[in-house]
Amino acid sequence: MSAPDLRRTPARPDLAADFLKGRVEAERFVPGVRRRVMEPVAALKRRPSADASLDSEVLLGESVTVYEETVEGWAWGQLETDGYVGWIPSDALGPETAPVTHQVTALATFLYPGPEMKLPPLSLLSLGSRLTITGTTEKRGLVYGLTPGGAVVLRHLAPVGTAEPDYVAVAERFVGRPYLWGGRSSAGIDCSGLVQTALLAAGIPAPRDSDMQAGELGTRLPPDTPPRRGDLAFWPGHVGILLDGERLLHASGYQMSVVVESFAEAVARIAGGGTALSGLNRL
């Protein structure tokens, strides 16, 4: 039996989720407590430390099953969206009360303290964030969705479960946004985060990391298959989306932003650095 992938298995030598009893070894097995992300974006880290590198991020309204909280203010748990496991600041989490009803479909939108665009916004919400909308109101021709914490322009939202028709078009909205290792938001995003975010917006479940995506998304194409729009190009540790047979869209750590460039030139440049293209997957 292969060792479990600890990125998606809530298990440590000292503690594990109770549903893993008999499958992993741990000193204690505990039931989890469902919590909800209450901050616009919060870090998910492998270690409970402010200086630990960013593994991923959690967005407003996502659900997390928490198995441990420390007095230092960290919660160890598993994100429902993609099963990722890690440490999240405890103050970014709250109770699950009313169900989320809407998701952000704009690349980014503001949460205002009330239904008035001239008010100083409380925060910036990223595509994929989830909210509980309790009602709507109109002011000067602009309709707002009302939440327990404020108001959001309604045209930037859609009911939870609404799927975009073209995940490639969703990814294109991120062009020019900065590259951030571990990022999953419009403020900063990495290569696999871009692919995951675009696919989730289109209603397609997607794992978090590029190696997971290479093994679980679509079908690996035979070598020399001409690429087409929507194909995923994989390198060890990297992934991009083909806009067509010639152009690649990806969150590039080389350019430090989401860019569109010649696929052939990207393949050659990355190979020049010692990493050859692994192949293409087609959904």
Foldseek 3Di string as FASTA:
>chain_A
DDDDDLQQAQDDQAEHAQVCVVPDHHVDHDHWAKKFFQDQKWFFFADPDPPGAGQAIDGGGWIWTFDDADPVFWTWTATPQARGTGITGNVRIHHDDDHWWKFFQDQKWFFCQEPDPPGDTPDIHGGGHTFHFPDWDDDPRFIWGAGPRGITGPVRMDTPPDADPALLVSLVSLFPAFDDNRYQGSNHYAFQSSVQSSCVNRVHRAHRFQVRRVVPPAAFDDPPDQDAFQKWWDWVRHIWTDNGRFKTWGCDPVVRGTHIDGPVVVQVVVVVVPIHTPGIGHD
